[in-house]
C-alpha atoms as a PDB file:
ATOM      1  CA  MET A   1      -8.890  16.343  55.011  1.00  0.00           C
ATOM      2  CA  ILE A   2      -8.599  17.879  51.542  1.00  0.00           C
ATOM      3  CA  GLU A   3     -11.456  16.960  49.263  1.00  0.00           C
ATOM      4  CA  GLY A   4     -10.912  17.260  45.528  1.00  0.00           C
ATOM      5  CA  LYS A   5     -13.760  18.087  43.192  1.00  0.00           C
ATOM      6  CA  HIS A   6     -11.801  17.781  39.961  1.00  0.00           C
ATOM      7  CA  GLN A   7     -13.394  15.526  37.342  1.00  0.00           C
ATOM      8  CA  ARG A   8     -11.266  14.126  34.554  1.00  0.00           C
ATOM      9  CA  VAL A   9     -12.423  15.180  31.105  1.00  0.00           C
ATOM     10  CA  SER A  10     -13.514  12.225  29.003  1.00  0.00           C
ATOM     11  CA  PHE A  11     -13.908  11.599  25.278  1.00  0.00           C
ATOM     12  CA  LEU A  12     -15.449   8.991  23.025  1.00  0.00           C
ATOM     13  CA  VAL A  13     -13.549   9.075  19.728  1.00  0.00           C
ATOM     14  CA  CYS A  14     -15.708   7.779  16.880  1.00  0.00           C
ATOM     15  CA  ILE A  15     -13.963   6.762  13.646  1.00  0.00           C
ATOM     16  CA  PRO A  16     -16.350   5.818  10.809  1.00  0.00           C
ATOM     17  CA  THR A  17     -14.502   3.811   8.149  1.00  0.00           C
ATOM     18  CA  LEU A  18     -15.327   1.641   5.168  1.00  0.00           C
ATOM     19  CA  GLY A  19     -12.350  -0.618   5.820  1.00  0.00           C
ATOM     20  CA  MET A  20      -8.757   0.037   4.798  1.00  0.00           C
ATOM     21  CA  VAL A  21      -7.267   2.995   6.660  1.00  0.00           C
ATOM     22  CA  PRO A  22      -4.193   4.791   5.227  1.00  0.00           C
ATOM     23  CA  ILE A  23      -0.942   4.697   7.198  1.00  0.00           C
ATOM     24  CA  GLU A  24      -0.841   8.499   7.166  1.00  0.00           C
ATOM     25  CA  PHE A  25      -4.019   8.506   9.251  1.00  0.00           C
ATOM     26  CA  HIS A  26      -2.575   6.026  11.751  1.00  0.00           C
ATOM     27  CA  VAL A  27       0.523   8.205  12.194  1.00  0.00           C
ATOM     28  CA  ALA A  28      -1.495  11.411  12.673  1.00  0.00           C
ATOM     29  CA  ALA A  29      -3.965   9.715  15.046  1.00  0.00           C
ATOM     30  CA  SER A  30      -1.158   8.211  17.136  1.00  0.00           C
ATOM     31  CA  ARG A  31       0.350  11.677  17.610  1.00  0.00           C
ATOM     32  CA  LEU A  32      -2.944  13.257  18.621  1.00  0.00           C
ATOM     33  CA  ALA A  33      -2.591  14.638  22.141  1.00  0.00           C
ATOM     34  CA  MET A  34      -5.392  14.695  24.704  1.00  0.00           C
ATOM     35  CA  PRO A  35      -5.752  17.093  27.640  1.00  0.00           C
ATOM     36  CA  VAL A  36      -3.718  16.151  30.706  1.00  0.00           C
ATOM     37  CA  ASN A  37      -5.299  13.254  32.641  1.00  0.00           C
ATOM     38  CA  ALA A  38      -8.099  12.904  30.092  1.00  0.00           C
ATOM     39  CA  LEU A  39      -9.898   9.604  29.620  1.00  0.00           C
ATOM     40  CA  SER A  40     -10.582   8.483  26.069  1.00  0.00           C
ATOM     41  CA  GLN A  41     -12.215   5.492  24.422  1.00  0.00           C
ATOM     42  CA  SER A  42     -12.406   4.637  20.738  1.00  0.00           C
ATOM     43  CA  LEU A  43     -15.440   3.499  18.767  1.00  0.00           C
ATOM     44  CA  ILE A  44     -14.618   2.270  15.257  1.00  0.00           C
ATOM     45  CA  VAL A  45     -17.733   1.843  13.120  1.00  0.00           C
ATOM     46  CA  SER A  46     -16.595  -0.193  10.136  1.00  0.00           C
ATOM     47  CA  LYS A  47     -18.066  -0.859   6.685  1.00  0.00           C
ATOM     48  CA  THR A  48     -21.152   1.266   7.317  1.00  0.00           C
ATOM     49  CA  GLU A  49     -22.421   4.317   5.412  1.00  0.00           C
ATOM     50  CA  VAL A  50     -21.168   7.416   7.225  1.00  0.00           C
ATOM     51  CA  GLY A  51     -24.584   8.805   8.167  1.00  0.00           C
ATOM     52  CA  VAL A  52     -25.558   5.465   9.697  1.00  0.00           C
ATOM     53  CA  ALA A  53     -22.186   5.289  11.473  1.00  0.00           C
ATOM     54  CA  ARG A  54     -22.595   8.729  13.033  1.00  0.00           C
ATOM     55  CA  GLN A  55     -26.153   7.927  14.110  1.00  0.00           C
ATOM     56  CA  TYR A  56     -24.898   4.744  15.769  1.00  0.00           C
ATOM     57  CA  ALA A  57     -22.171   6.689  17.602  1.00  0.00           C
ATOM     58  CA  ALA A  58     -24.650   9.309  18.841  1.00  0.00           C
ATOM     59  CA  GLU A  59     -26.975   6.655  20.271  1.00  0.00           C
ATOM     60  CA  PHE A  60     -24.011   4.745  21.683  1.00  0.00           C
ATOM     61  CA  VAL A  61     -22.663   7.744  23.609  1.00  0.00           C
ATOM     62  CA  LEU A  62     -26.108   8.542  25.033  1.00  0.00           C
ATOM     63  CA  ASN A  63     -26.277   5.041  26.519  1.00  0.00           C
ATOM     64  CA  MET A  64     -22.812   5.064  28.060  1.00  0.00           C
ATOM     65  CA  GLN A  65     -22.520   5.048  31.846  1.00  0.00           C
ATOM     66  CA  PRO A  66     -20.769   7.159  32.892  1.00  0.00           C
ATOM     67  CA  ARG A  67     -21.282   9.307  29.843  1.00  0.00           C
ATOM     68  CA  PRO A  68     -18.211  10.979  28.310  1.00  0.00           C
ATOM     69  CA  ARG A  69     -18.146  14.746  28.325  1.00  0.00           C
ATOM     70  CA  TYR A  70     -17.432  14.906  24.599  1.00  0.00           C
ATOM     71  CA  LEU A  71     -17.924  12.895  21.423  1.00  0.00           C
ATOM     72  CA  LEU A  72     -15.131  13.424  18.906  1.00  0.00           C
ATOM     73  CA  PHE A  73     -15.801  12.507  15.289  1.00  0.00           C
ATOM     74  CA  LEU A  74     -12.577  11.693  13.441  1.00  0.00           C
ATOM     75  CA  GLY A  75     -12.655  10.871   9.724  1.00  0.00           C
ATOM     76  CA  ASP A  76     -10.313   8.169   8.484  1.00  0.00           C
ATOM     77  CA  ASP A  77      -8.959  10.495   5.783  1.00  0.00           C
ATOM     78  CA  MET A  78      -8.197  13.323   8.203  1.00  0.00           C
ATOM     79  CA  LEU A  79      -4.664  14.289   9.272  1.00  0.00           C
ATOM     80  CA  PRO A  80      -5.289  16.509  12.313  1.00  0.00           C
ATOM     81  CA  PRO A  81      -2.557  18.573  14.003  1.00  0.00           C
ATOM     82  CA  TRP A  82      -1.152  16.977  17.154  1.00  0.00           C
ATOM     83  CA  ASP A  83      -2.784  19.618  19.395  1.00  0.00           C
ATOM     84  CA  GLY A  84      -6.112  19.788  17.539  1.00  0.00           C
ATOM     85  CA  VAL A  85      -8.228  18.095  20.218  1.00  0.00           C
ATOM     86  CA  ILE A  86      -6.691  20.238  22.965  1.00  0.00           C
ATOM     87  CA  LYS A  87      -7.486  23.447  21.086  1.00  0.00           C
ATOM     88  CA  LEU A  88     -11.090  22.411  20.428  1.00  0.00           C
ATOM     89  CA  TRP A  89     -11.508  21.269  24.029  1.00  0.00           C
ATOM     90  CA  GLN A  90     -10.155  24.523  25.445  1.00  0.00           C
ATOM     91  CA  GLU A  91     -12.738  26.502  23.486  1.00  0.00           C
ATOM     92  CA  MET A  92     -15.541  24.082  24.384  1.00  0.00           C
ATOM     93  CA  GLU A  93     -14.700  24.362  28.076  1.00  0.00           C
ATOM     94  CA  GLU A  94     -15.572  28.052  27.896  1.00  0.00           C
ATOM     95  CA  GLY A  95     -19.139  26.882  27.386  1.00  0.00           C
ATOM     96  CA  GLN A  96     -20.112  28.893  24.307  1.00  0.00           C
ATOM     97  CA  TRP A  97     -20.235  26.082  21.752  1.00  0.00           C
ATOM     98  CA  ASP A  98     -22.320  22.930  21.488  1.00  0.00           C
ATOM     99  CA  VAL A  99     -20.568  21.717  18.331  1.00  0.00           C
ATOM    100  CA  LEU A 100     -17.043  22.824  17.409  1.00  0.00           C
ATOM    101  CA  ALA A 101     -15.125  21.711  14.318  1.00  0.00           C
ATOM    102  CA  GLY A 102     -11.636  22.074  12.961  1.00  0.00           C
ATOM    103  CA  LEU A 103     -11.194  23.635   9.527  1.00  0.00           C
ATOM    104  CA  TYR A 104     -10.680  21.417   6.500  1.00  0.00           C
ATOM    105  CA  PHE A 105     -11.415  21.561   2.795  1.00  0.00           C
ATOM    106  CA  ILE A 106     -13.409  19.572   0.244  1.00  0.00           C
ATOM    107  CA  LYS A 107     -11.087  17.413  -1.869  1.00  0.00           C
ATOM    108  CA  GLN A 108     -11.328  19.245  -5.171  1.00  0.00           C
ATOM    109  CA  ASP A 109      -9.554  21.894  -7.223  1.00  0.00           C
ATOM    110  CA  LEU A 110     -10.008  24.614  -6.188  1.00  0.00           C
ATOM    111  CA  PRO A 111     -10.532  23.352  -2.618  1.00  0.00           C
ATOM    112  CA  VAL A 112     -13.557  24.751  -0.767  1.00  0.00           C
ATOM    113  CA  PRO A 113     -13.419  25.241   3.027  1.00  0.00           C
ATOM    114  CA  ILE A 114     -16.232  23.424   4.815  1.00  0.00           C
ATOM    115  CA  ILE A 115     -17.576  26.401   6.738  1.00  0.00           C
ATOM    116  CA  TRP A 116     -20.849  28.135   5.808  1.00  0.00           C
ATOM    117  CA  ARG A 117     -23.203  30.706   7.259  1.00  0.00           C
ATOM    118  CA  LYS A 118     -26.623  31.730   5.966  1.00  0.00           C
ATOM    119  CA  ASP A 119     -25.776  35.418   5.715  1.00  0.00           C
ATOM    120  CA  VAL A 120     -22.771  34.801   3.431  1.00  0.00           C
ATOM    121  CA  ILE A 121     -22.810  33.708  -0.222  1.00  0.00           C
ATOM    122  CA  GLY A 122     -20.480  30.722  -0.530  1.00  0.00           C
ATOM    123  CA  PRO A 123     -18.044  29.490   2.131  1.00  0.00           C
ATOM    124  CA  LEU A 124     -16.560  31.910   4.633  1.00  0.00           C
ATOM    125  CA  GLU A 125     -13.291  33.440   3.426  1.00  0.00           C
ATOM    126  CA  VAL A 126     -10.186  34.106   5.481  1.00  0.00           C
ATOM    127  CA  HIS A 127      -9.435  37.824   6.094  1.00  0.00           C
ATOM    128  CA  LYS A 128     -12.899  38.680   4.765  1.00  0.00           C
ATOM    129  CA  HIS A 129     -15.147  36.821   7.202  1.00  0.00           C
ATOM    130  CA  TYR A 130     -12.618  35.728   9.829  1.00  0.00           C
ATOM    131  CA  GLN A 131      -8.991  36.112  10.812  1.00  0.00           C
ATOM    132  CA  PRO A 132      -6.609  33.113  10.906  1.00  0.00           C
ATOM    133  CA  GLY A 133      -6.935  31.283  14.204  1.00  0.00           C
ATOM    134  CA  GLU A 134     -10.312  32.829  15.062  1.00  0.00           C
ATOM    135  CA  VAL A 135     -13.223  30.743  16.297  1.00  0.00           C
ATOM    136  CA  VAL A 136     -16.221  31.729  14.180  1.00  0.00           C
ATOM    137  CA  SER A 137     -19.934  31.052  14.408  1.00  0.00           C
ATOM    138  CA  CYS A 138     -21.296  28.896  11.573  1.00  0.00           C
ATOM    139  CA  ASP A 139     -24.484  27.300  10.324  1.00  0.00           C
ATOM    140  CA  VAL A 140     -22.755  24.295   8.744  1.00  0.00           C
ATOM    141  CA  VAL A 141     -19.390  22.643   9.394  1.00  0.00           C
ATOM    142  CA  GLY A 142     -17.918  19.296   8.431  1.00  0.00           C
ATOM    143  CA  MET A 143     -18.115  16.468  10.955  1.00  0.00           C
ATOM    144  CA  ASP A 144     -14.776  14.763  10.292  1.00  0.00           C
ATOM    145  CA  PHE A 145     -12.856  16.526  13.072  1.00  0.00           C
ATOM    146  CA  THR A 146     -15.528  17.809  15.395  1.00  0.00           C
ATOM    147  CA  LEU A 147     -16.293  17.854  19.119  1.00  0.00           C
ATOM    148  CA  VAL A 148     -19.936  17.455  20.121  1.00  0.00           C
ATOM    149  CA  ARG A 149     -21.484  17.648  23.564  1.00  0.00           C
ATOM    150  CA  PRO A 150     -23.606  14.477  24.018  1.00  0.00           C
ATOM    151  CA  SER A 151     -26.353  16.611  25.544  1.00  0.00           C
ATOM    152  CA  VAL A 152     -26.909  18.000  22.032  1.00  0.00           C
ATOM    153  CA  PHE A 153     -28.598  14.750  21.022  1.00  0.00           C
ATOM    154  CA  GLU A 154     -31.019  14.954  23.949  1.00  0.00           C
ATOM    155  CA  ARG A 155     -32.447  18.148  22.488  1.00  0.00           C
ATOM    156  CA  MET A 156     -33.207  16.721  19.041  1.00  0.00           C
ATOM    157  CA  GLU A 157     -35.469  14.043  17.641  1.00  0.00           C
ATOM    158  CA  LYS A 158     -34.011  11.049  15.821  1.00  0.00           C
ATOM    159  CA  PRO A 159     -32.468  10.638  13.371  1.00  0.00           C
ATOM    160  CA  PHE A 160     -29.628  12.998  14.250  1.00  0.00           C
ATOM    161  CA  PHE A 161     -27.733  12.132  11.065  1.00  0.00           C
ATOM    162  CA  LYS A 162     -29.079  11.200   7.672  1.00  0.00           C
ATOM    163  CA  THR A 163     -27.280  11.230   4.342  1.00  0.00           C
ATOM    164  CA  GLY A 164     -29.279  12.522   1.432  1.00  0.00           C
ATOM    165  CA  PRO A 165     -29.622  15.284  -1.143  1.00  0.00           C
ATOM    166  CA  GLY A 166     -28.645  18.532   0.536  1.00  0.00           C
ATOM    167  CA  ARG A 167     -29.940  22.005   0.027  1.00  0.00           C
ATOM    168  CA  ASP A 168     -28.000  24.557  -1.996  1.00  0.00           C
ATOM    169  CA  MET A 169     -25.381  25.941   0.389  1.00  0.00           C
ATOM    170  CA  ASP A 170     -24.667  28.874  -1.907  1.00  0.00           C
ATOM    171  CA  PRO A 171     -27.554  31.361  -2.236  1.00  0.00           C
ATOM    172  CA  GLY A 172     -25.847  32.598  -5.390  1.00  0.00           C
ATOM    173  CA  GLY A 173     -26.149  29.182  -6.965  1.00  0.00           C
ATOM    174  CA  GLY A 174     -23.013  27.147  -6.501  1.00  0.00           C
ATOM    175  CA  LEU A 175     -22.478  24.296  -4.117  1.00  0.00           C
ATOM    176  CA  THR A 176     -25.164  21.678  -3.648  1.00  0.00           C
ATOM    177  CA  VAL A 177     -24.165  19.120  -1.055  1.00  0.00           C
ATOM    178  CA  TYR A 178     -25.007  15.461  -0.581  1.00  0.00           C
ATOM    179  CA  THR A 179     -23.975  14.738   2.960  1.00  0.00           C
ATOM    180  CA  GLU A 180     -25.021  13.930   6.523  1.00  0.00           C
ATOM    181  CA  ASP A 181     -23.223  17.001   7.914  1.00  0.00           C
ATOM    182  CA  VAL A 182     -25.805  19.516   6.705  1.00  0.00           C
ATOM    183  CA  PHE A 183     -28.712  17.429   8.004  1.00  0.00           C
ATOM    184  CA  PHE A 184     -27.190  17.348  11.501  1.00  0.00           C
ATOM    185  CA  CYS A 185     -26.158  21.006  11.557  1.00  0.00           C
ATOM    186  CA  ASP A 186     -29.617  22.125  10.437  1.00  0.00           C
ATOM    187  CA  LYS A 187     -31.145  20.245  13.374  1.00  0.00           C
ATOM    188  CA  VAL A 188     -28.618  21.729  15.806  1.00  0.00           C
ATOM    189  CA  ARG A 189     -29.392  25.261  14.666  1.00  0.00           C
ATOM    190  CA  ALA A 190     -33.150  24.594  14.705  1.00  0.00           C
ATOM    191  CA  ALA A 191     -32.777  23.626  18.371  1.00  0.00           C
ATOM    192  CA  GLU A 192     -31.056  26.987  18.971  1.00  0.00           C
ATOM    193  CA  MET A 193     -27.675  25.471  19.785  1.00  0.00           C
ATOM    194  CA  LYS A 194     -24.348  26.949  18.714  1.00  0.00           C
ATOM    195  CA  ILE A 195     -22.001  25.662  16.028  1.00  0.00           C
ATOM    196  CA  GLY A 196     -18.473  26.967  15.612  1.00  0.00           C
ATOM    197  CA  CYS A 197     -15.336  26.375  13.588  1.00  0.00           C
ATOM    198  CA  HIS A 198     -11.860  26.811  15.082  1.00  0.00           C
ATOM    199  CA  THR A 199      -9.892  28.117  12.108  1.00  0.00           C
ATOM    200  CA  GLY A 200      -6.674  27.674  14.078  1.00  0.00           C
ATOM    201  CA  VAL A 201      -7.174  23.898  13.932  1.00  0.00           C
ATOM    202  CA  ARG A 202      -6.211  23.297  10.314  1.00  0.00           C
ATOM    203  CA  VAL A 203      -6.820  19.663   9.352  1.00  0.00           C
ATOM    204  CA  SER A 204      -5.323  18.123   6.224  1.00  0.00           C
ATOM    205  CA  HIS A 205      -7.775  16.148   4.087  1.00  0.00           C
ATOM    206  CA  LEU A 206      -6.045  13.148   2.523  1.00  0.00           C
ATOM    207  CA  TYR A 207      -6.888  11.510  -0.802  1.00  0.00           C
ATOM    208  CA  HIS A 208      -5.395   8.119  -0.117  1.00  0.00           C
ATOM    209  CA  LYS A 209      -5.291   6.977  -3.761  1.00  0.00           C
ATOM    210  CA  THR A 210      -2.797   9.686  -4.750  1.00  0.00           C
ATOM    211  CA  GLY A 211      -1.388  10.939  -1.443  1.00  0.00           C
ATOM    212  CA  GLU A 212      -2.636  14.453  -2.190  1.00  0.00           C
ATOM    213  CA  VAL A 213      -3.854  16.569   0.712  1.00  0.00           C
ATOM    214  CA  TRP A 214      -6.176  19.550   0.761  1.00  0.00           C
END
């Protein structure tokens, strides 16, 4: 008798949304590939403030039986590459990261990449702080295309996410954030867990009113 010990990788895909979702998102999400034989379930948290939605998803995944191996946060204005989940998953399977995000930009001119580290003034810059495609260690990343190990939440006190006035992310005096992302990342780092950004997973950030992407 041949006994297999392979366990299928599993995901809970959480999509916080305030309601209407652009068709561009539907197209990108429908093309999003999962690892071979992976199991995935979707959790759509509708018409709820994003920090509350993420908190709900974190508590939901902790109570699932069996528990998925990964929680994927997917923003409803994100246009991820078709292989984005596979690339994040491959890096996560190596075991180094507890939280791993794709790279996307704040919707503004000039766009600012959502990737910060305490030892750098301002956001990390390509060719200066990392090479294209590199997976880099961060203190803060955006949550809108991010894989999280559910065990992360077991090592932190509630709330895991909370939207509120953020600290100044630029020691030189620049970007002050108002977001749930920083709150969560600060708690992850305080618990001595590792946050990374896969700069080879470039995610377009859609402004649905104009069709512009960053």
